[in-house]
Amino acid sequence: MDAVVKYRIKVDTKLFCSCFEGETCPVCRRIAGMLPMINSEALRKTIIAATKIKCKLSFSSFYRIGSVNSRAAGFVRSTCFSPIGENGSLEGKKIDTIYLEEDIEYHGEPCGGMPLLCFRISELSDSLLDGLTSLLRKEGLISGKPTVVEYGEDIISSLNAEPELDMCMVHIDPYTAEQLHSIKDIQPLPIDVG
């Protein structure tokens, strides 16, 4: 099965602001003029996950893509079109890409923003899913159960609009990001307003 596997990253605050889950601020309500700051701990854990599955790290940027959820109007910020890591493997099985995305729901309501660790896997099997989940839990990177979304026509058609590069978002340089792997106390990364 060609699928995307999504895990909630084990962090306290949202992907682009310092709000805890269920709280809101002008940034996570997406009020014009409010510039986000990326959650450095979420980025660090994504880099750790990518290195654990032997991905080749690559330059990555966030894109605004249409929301698949009908209750959450607007867009999702994601690096799916510009993944953080590519061509990984676990137990000899290929993992196509790893990327970072925001969860736009909170208990079914559109005000999420918690970071999701996402994997695109062309040939997902139960054993690969179990192995990946076990590895990520052992490393302390995730919380909760994975969500598996079949990468079929429904997902492709929901993304039929051309993704828009989010010019107010951080662009991730893998050479700089690799240094985050060993840093314990990380300050929020500045936004590249390029």
C-alpha atoms as a PDB file:
ATOM      1  CA  MET A   1       0.000   0.000   0.000  1.00  0.00           C
ATOM      2  CA  ASP A   2       1.286   3.459  -0.940  1.00  0.00           C
ATOM      3  CA  ALA A   3       0.702   5.530   2.207  1.00  0.00           C
ATOM      4  CA  VAL A   4       1.612   8.465   4.394  1.00  0.00           C
ATOM      5  CA  VAL A   5       2.183   7.643   8.064  1.00  0.00           C
ATOM      6  CA  LYS A   6       1.777  10.560  10.482  1.00  0.00           C
ATOM      7  CA  TYR A   7       2.915  10.705  14.111  1.00  0.00           C
ATOM      8  CA  ARG A   8       2.410  13.458  16.677  1.00  0.00           C
ATOM      9  CA  ILE A   9       5.879  14.658  17.694  1.00  0.00           C
ATOM     10  CA  LYS A  10       6.457  14.556  21.456  1.00  0.00           C
ATOM     11  CA  VAL A  11       6.711  18.293  22.231  1.00  0.00           C
ATOM     12  CA  ASP A  12       4.772  20.663  24.477  1.00  0.00           C
ATOM     13  CA  THR A  13       4.050  23.504  22.068  1.00  0.00           C
ATOM     14  CA  LYS A  14       2.734  24.043  18.558  1.00  0.00           C
ATOM     15  CA  LEU A  15       4.863  23.972  15.416  1.00  0.00           C
ATOM     16  CA  PHE A  16       4.891  27.705  14.704  1.00  0.00           C
ATOM     17  CA  CYS A  17       4.247  29.437  18.046  1.00  0.00           C
ATOM     18  CA  SER A  18       4.698  28.911  21.794  1.00  0.00           C
ATOM     19  CA  CYS A  19       1.045  27.991  22.489  1.00  0.00           C
ATOM     20  CA  PHE A  20       0.249  24.718  24.195  1.00  0.00           C
ATOM     21  CA  GLU A  21      -2.339  22.425  22.592  1.00  0.00           C
ATOM     22  CA  GLY A  22      -5.819  23.952  22.863  1.00  0.00           C
ATOM     23  CA  GLU A  23      -4.501  27.517  23.288  1.00  0.00           C
ATOM     24  CA  THR A  24      -4.507  30.100  20.517  1.00  0.00           C
ATOM     25  CA  CYS A  25      -2.618  33.277  19.711  1.00  0.00           C
ATOM     26  CA  PRO A  26      -2.478  35.647  16.709  1.00  0.00           C
ATOM     27  CA  VAL A  27       0.163  33.424  15.036  1.00  0.00           C
ATOM     28  CA  CYS A  28      -1.776  30.159  15.221  1.00  0.00           C
ATOM     29  CA  ARG A  29      -5.013  31.954  14.293  1.00  0.00           C
ATOM     30  CA  ARG A  30      -3.060  33.125  11.216  1.00  0.00           C
ATOM     31  CA  ILE A  31      -3.743  36.820  11.642  1.00  0.00           C
ATOM     32  CA  ALA A  32      -2.060  38.813   8.882  1.00  0.00           C
ATOM     33  CA  GLY A  33       1.295  40.281   9.834  1.00  0.00           C
ATOM     34  CA  MET A  34       2.054  37.756  12.587  1.00  0.00           C
ATOM     35  CA  LEU A  35       5.328  35.987  11.833  1.00  0.00           C
ATOM     36  CA  PRO A  36       5.754  32.420  13.055  1.00  0.00           C
ATOM     37  CA  MET A  37       8.803  30.866  14.736  1.00  0.00           C
ATOM     38  CA  ILE A  38       9.485  27.186  14.100  1.00  0.00           C
ATOM     39  CA  ASN A  39       9.480  24.834  17.084  1.00  0.00           C
ATOM     40  CA  SER A  40      13.167  23.934  17.209  1.00  0.00           C
ATOM     41  CA  GLU A  41      12.567  20.836  19.327  1.00  0.00           C
ATOM     42  CA  ALA A  42      10.164  19.465  16.689  1.00  0.00           C
ATOM     43  CA  LEU A  43      12.722  20.168  13.974  1.00  0.00           C
ATOM     44  CA  ARG A  44      15.490  18.531  16.025  1.00  0.00           C
ATOM     45  CA  LYS A  45      13.371  15.404  16.552  1.00  0.00           C
ATOM     46  CA  THR A  46      12.570  15.260  12.829  1.00  0.00           C
ATOM     47  CA  ILE A  47      16.300  15.401  12.020  1.00  0.00           C
ATOM     48  CA  ILE A  48      16.978  12.625  14.550  1.00  0.00           C
ATOM     49  CA  ALA A  49      14.242  10.473  12.970  1.00  0.00           C
ATOM     50  CA  ALA A  50      15.671  11.116   9.491  1.00  0.00           C
ATOM     51  CA  THR A  51      19.175  10.096  10.557  1.00  0.00           C
ATOM     52  CA  LYS A  52      17.879   6.960  12.343  1.00  0.00           C
ATOM     53  CA  ILE A  53      16.304   5.711   9.116  1.00  0.00           C
ATOM     54  CA  LYS A  54      19.384   6.711   7.107  1.00  0.00           C
ATOM     55  CA  CYS A  55      17.708   9.415   5.023  1.00  0.00           C
ATOM     56  CA  LYS A  56      19.671  11.781   2.845  1.00  0.00           C
ATOM     57  CA  LEU A  57      18.921  15.222   4.316  1.00  0.00           C
ATOM     58  CA  SER A  58      17.979  17.932   1.864  1.00  0.00           C
ATOM     59  CA  PHE A  59      17.155  21.639   1.758  1.00  0.00           C
ATOM     60  CA  SER A  60      13.502  22.003   2.705  1.00  0.00           C
ATOM     61  CA  SER A  61      10.854  24.716   2.721  1.00  0.00           C
ATOM     62  CA  PHE A  62       7.308  24.954   4.002  1.00  0.00           C
ATOM     63  CA  TYR A  63       4.480  25.142   1.490  1.00  0.00           C
ATOM     64  CA  ARG A  64       0.864  26.096   1.973  1.00  0.00           C
ATOM     65  CA  ILE A  65      -1.335  23.289   0.722  1.00  0.00           C
ATOM     66  CA  GLY A  66      -5.106  22.975   0.716  1.00  0.00           C
ATOM     67  CA  SER A  67      -6.632  21.352   3.773  1.00  0.00           C
ATOM     68  CA  VAL A  68      -7.892  17.801   3.285  1.00  0.00           C
ATOM     69  CA  ASN A  69     -10.245  18.269   6.245  1.00  0.00           C
ATOM     70  CA  SER A  70     -13.555  19.885   5.302  1.00  0.00           C
ATOM     71  CA  ARG A  71     -14.021  21.356   8.815  1.00  0.00           C
ATOM     72  CA  ALA A  72     -10.664  23.120   8.751  1.00  0.00           C
ATOM     73  CA  ALA A  73     -10.859  25.698   6.001  1.00  0.00           C
ATOM     74  CA  GLY A  74      -7.726  27.221   4.613  1.00  0.00           C
ATOM     75  CA  PHE A  75      -4.327  25.629   4.327  1.00  0.00           C
ATOM     76  CA  VAL A  76      -1.804  23.423   6.063  1.00  0.00           C
ATOM     77  CA  ARG A  77       1.878  24.304   6.302  1.00  0.00           C
ATOM     78  CA  SER A  78       3.943  21.318   5.216  1.00  0.00           C
ATOM     79  CA  THR A  79       7.333  20.351   3.812  1.00  0.00           C
ATOM     80  CA  CYS A  80       5.798  17.440   1.833  1.00  0.00           C
ATOM     81  CA  PHE A  81       6.739  18.996  -1.535  1.00  0.00           C
ATOM     82  CA  SER A  82      10.255  19.694  -0.274  1.00  0.00           C
ATOM     83  CA  PRO A  83      10.961  16.882   2.222  1.00  0.00           C
ATOM     84  CA  ILE A  84      13.566  17.104   4.962  1.00  0.00           C
ATOM     85  CA  GLY A  85      14.886  13.616   4.177  1.00  0.00           C
ATOM     86  CA  GLU A  86      14.695  11.194   1.259  1.00  0.00           C
ATOM     87  CA  ASN A  87      15.577   7.584   0.403  1.00  0.00           C
ATOM     88  CA  GLY A  88      15.661   6.147   3.895  1.00  0.00           C
ATOM     89  CA  SER A  89      15.303   2.555   4.972  1.00  0.00           C
ATOM     90  CA  LEU A  90      14.451   0.485   8.000  1.00  0.00           C
ATOM     91  CA  GLU A  91      15.167  -3.237   8.232  1.00  0.00           C
ATOM     92  CA  GLY A  92      15.919  -3.274   4.494  1.00  0.00           C
ATOM     93  CA  LYS A  93      12.573  -1.691   3.561  1.00  0.00           C
ATOM     94  CA  LYS A  94      12.452   1.637   1.732  1.00  0.00           C
ATOM     95  CA  ILE A  95      11.023   4.822   3.244  1.00  0.00           C
ATOM     96  CA  ASP A  96      10.600   7.375   0.453  1.00  0.00           C
ATOM     97  CA  THR A  97      10.510  10.683   2.339  1.00  0.00           C
ATOM     98  CA  ILE A  98      10.235  12.214   5.793  1.00  0.00           C
ATOM     99  CA  TYR A  99       8.665  15.623   6.268  1.00  0.00           C
ATOM    100  CA  LEU A 100       7.252  17.976   8.881  1.00  0.00           C
ATOM    101  CA  GLU A 101       3.659  19.213   8.887  1.00  0.00           C
ATOM    102  CA  GLU A 102       1.261  20.972  11.216  1.00  0.00           C
ATOM    103  CA  ASP A 103      -1.808  19.190  12.559  1.00  0.00           C
ATOM    104  CA  ILE A 104      -4.698  21.563  11.961  1.00  0.00           C
ATOM    105  CA  GLU A 105      -7.198  19.838  14.247  1.00  0.00           C
ATOM    106  CA  TYR A 106      -7.642  19.728  18.000  1.00  0.00           C
ATOM    107  CA  HIS A 107     -10.227  17.142  19.065  1.00  0.00           C
ATOM    108  CA  GLY A 108     -12.039  17.566  15.755  1.00  0.00           C
ATOM    109  CA  GLU A 109     -11.983  21.359  15.831  1.00  0.00           C
ATOM    110  CA  PRO A 110      -9.826  23.479  13.473  1.00  0.00           C
ATOM    111  CA  CYS A 111      -7.312  25.171  15.783  1.00  0.00           C
ATOM    112  CA  GLY A 112      -4.483  22.636  16.016  1.00  0.00           C
ATOM    113  CA  GLY A 113      -0.963  23.445  14.983  1.00  0.00           C
ATOM    114  CA  MET A 114       0.875  20.652  16.817  1.00  0.00           C
ATOM    115  CA  PRO A 115       3.810  19.218  14.824  1.00  0.00           C
ATOM    116  CA  LEU A 116       3.423  15.996  12.867  1.00  0.00           C
ATOM    117  CA  LEU A 117       6.290  13.752  11.757  1.00  0.00           C
ATOM    118  CA  CYS A 118       5.262  12.306   8.381  1.00  0.00           C
ATOM    119  CA  PHE A 119       6.659   9.455   6.299  1.00  0.00           C
ATOM    120  CA  ARG A 120       5.772   8.692   2.663  1.00  0.00           C
ATOM    121  CA  ILE A 121       6.157   4.946   2.153  1.00  0.00           C
ATOM    122  CA  SER A 122       5.482   3.295  -1.231  1.00  0.00           C
ATOM    123  CA  GLU A 123       5.193  -0.246   0.083  1.00  0.00           C
ATOM    124  CA  LEU A 124       3.887  -0.022   3.634  1.00  0.00           C
ATOM    125  CA  SER A 125       3.545  -3.317   5.485  1.00  0.00           C
ATOM    126  CA  ASP A 126       2.427  -4.065   9.027  1.00  0.00           C
ATOM    127  CA  SER A 127       5.962  -5.120   9.975  1.00  0.00           C
ATOM    128  CA  LEU A 128       7.463  -1.860   8.642  1.00  0.00           C
ATOM    129  CA  LEU A 129       4.816   0.201  10.462  1.00  0.00           C
ATOM    130  CA  ASP A 130       5.455  -1.684  13.714  1.00  0.00           C
ATOM    131  CA  GLY A 131       9.233  -1.356  13.349  1.00  0.00           C
ATOM    132  CA  LEU A 132       9.059   2.375  12.585  1.00  0.00           C
ATOM    133  CA  THR A 133       6.677   3.043  15.482  1.00  0.00           C
ATOM    134  CA  SER A 134       8.878   1.030  17.847  1.00  0.00           C
ATOM    135  CA  LEU A 135      12.033   2.918  16.778  1.00  0.00           C
ATOM    136  CA  LEU A 136      10.426   6.347  17.162  1.00  0.00           C
ATOM    137  CA  ARG A 137       9.005   5.470  20.599  1.00  0.00           C
ATOM    138  CA  LYS A 138      12.354   4.068  21.767  1.00  0.00           C
ATOM    139  CA  GLU A 139      14.019   7.361  20.786  1.00  0.00           C
ATOM    140  CA  GLY A 140      11.312   9.374  22.620  1.00  0.00           C
ATOM    141  CA  LEU A 141      10.308  11.228  19.445  1.00  0.00           C
ATOM    142  CA  ILE A 142       6.561  10.565  19.237  1.00  0.00           C
ATOM    143  CA  SER A 143       3.413  10.363  21.332  1.00  0.00           C
ATOM    144  CA  GLY A 144       0.235   8.478  20.564  1.00  0.00           C
ATOM    145  CA  LYS A 145      -0.578   6.119  17.720  1.00  0.00           C
ATOM    146  CA  PRO A 146       0.236   6.647  14.053  1.00  0.00           C
ATOM    147  CA  THR A 147      -2.346   7.767  11.527  1.00  0.00           C
ATOM    148  CA  VAL A 148      -2.052   5.953   8.214  1.00  0.00           C
ATOM    149  CA  VAL A 149      -3.495   7.665   5.137  1.00  0.00           C
ATOM    150  CA  GLU A 150      -3.542   5.759   1.869  1.00  0.00           C
ATOM    151  CA  TYR A 151      -1.869   7.897  -0.769  1.00  0.00           C
ATOM    152  CA  GLY A 152      -4.540   7.501  -3.422  1.00  0.00           C
ATOM    153  CA  GLU A 153      -6.701   9.588  -5.697  1.00  0.00           C
ATOM    154  CA  ASP A 154      -8.503  11.274  -2.768  1.00  0.00           C
ATOM    155  CA  ILE A 155      -5.257  12.748  -1.426  1.00  0.00           C
ATOM    156  CA  ILE A 156      -3.949  13.679  -4.873  1.00  0.00           C
ATOM    157  CA  SER A 157      -7.227  15.391  -5.843  1.00  0.00           C
ATOM    158  CA  SER A 158      -7.283  17.321  -2.554  1.00  0.00           C
ATOM    159  CA  LEU A 159      -3.882  18.748  -3.480  1.00  0.00           C
ATOM    160  CA  ASN A 160      -4.854  19.607  -7.061  1.00  0.00           C
ATOM    161  CA  ALA A 161      -4.247  23.317  -6.474  1.00  0.00           C
ATOM    162  CA  GLU A 162      -0.639  24.317  -7.038  1.00  0.00           C
ATOM    163  CA  PRO A 163       1.157  24.438  -3.667  1.00  0.00           C
ATOM    164  CA  GLU A 164       2.281  27.900  -2.662  1.00  0.00           C
ATOM    165  CA  LEU A 165       5.744  28.447  -1.203  1.00  0.00           C
ATOM    166  CA  ASP A 166       5.217  30.158   2.138  1.00  0.00           C
ATOM    167  CA  MET A 167       7.617  33.108   1.930  1.00  0.00           C
ATOM    168  CA  CYS A 168       7.162  33.959   5.618  1.00  0.00           C
ATOM    169  CA  MET A 169       8.261  30.527   6.770  1.00  0.00           C
ATOM    170  CA  VAL A 170      11.594  29.060   7.687  1.00  0.00           C
ATOM    171  CA  HIS A 171      13.640  27.356   5.018  1.00  0.00           C
ATOM    172  CA  ILE A 172      15.597  24.431   6.434  1.00  0.00           C
ATOM    173  CA  ASP A 173      19.225  23.991   5.445  1.00  0.00           C
ATOM    174  CA  PRO A 174      20.254  20.387   6.241  1.00  0.00           C
ATOM    175  CA  TYR A 175      23.860  21.335   6.940  1.00  0.00           C
ATOM    176  CA  THR A 176      22.745  23.734   9.664  1.00  0.00           C
ATOM    177  CA  ALA A 177      19.941  21.451  10.808  1.00  0.00           C
ATOM    178  CA  GLU A 178      22.302  18.483  11.312  1.00  0.00           C
ATOM    179  CA  GLN A 179      23.970  20.468  14.091  1.00  0.00           C
ATOM    180  CA  LEU A 180      20.623  20.436  15.967  1.00  0.00           C
ATOM    181  CA  HIS A 181      20.984  16.686  16.434  1.00  0.00           C
ATOM    182  CA  SER A 182      23.493  17.143  19.276  1.00  0.00           C
ATOM    183  CA  ILE A 183      22.300  20.424  20.796  1.00  0.00           C
ATOM    184  CA  LYS A 184      20.341  20.126  24.065  1.00  0.00           C
ATOM    185  CA  ASP A 185      19.145  23.694  24.727  1.00  0.00           C
ATOM    186  CA  ILE A 186      17.760  25.121  21.503  1.00  0.00           C
ATOM    187  CA  GLN A 187      16.333  28.577  21.070  1.00  0.00           C
ATOM    188  CA  PRO A 188      13.590  29.202  18.469  1.00  0.00           C
ATOM    189  CA  LEU A 189      14.966  29.540  14.962  1.00  0.00           C
ATOM    190  CA  PRO A 190      14.479  32.885  13.232  1.00  0.00           C
ATOM    191  CA  ILE A 191      12.199  33.035  10.236  1.00  0.00           C
ATOM    192  CA  ASP A 192      13.676  33.541   6.793  1.00  0.00           C
ATOM    193  CA  VAL A 193      11.408  36.228   5.348  1.00  0.00           C
ATOM    194  CA  GLY A 194      13.189  35.843   1.984  1.00  0.00           C
END
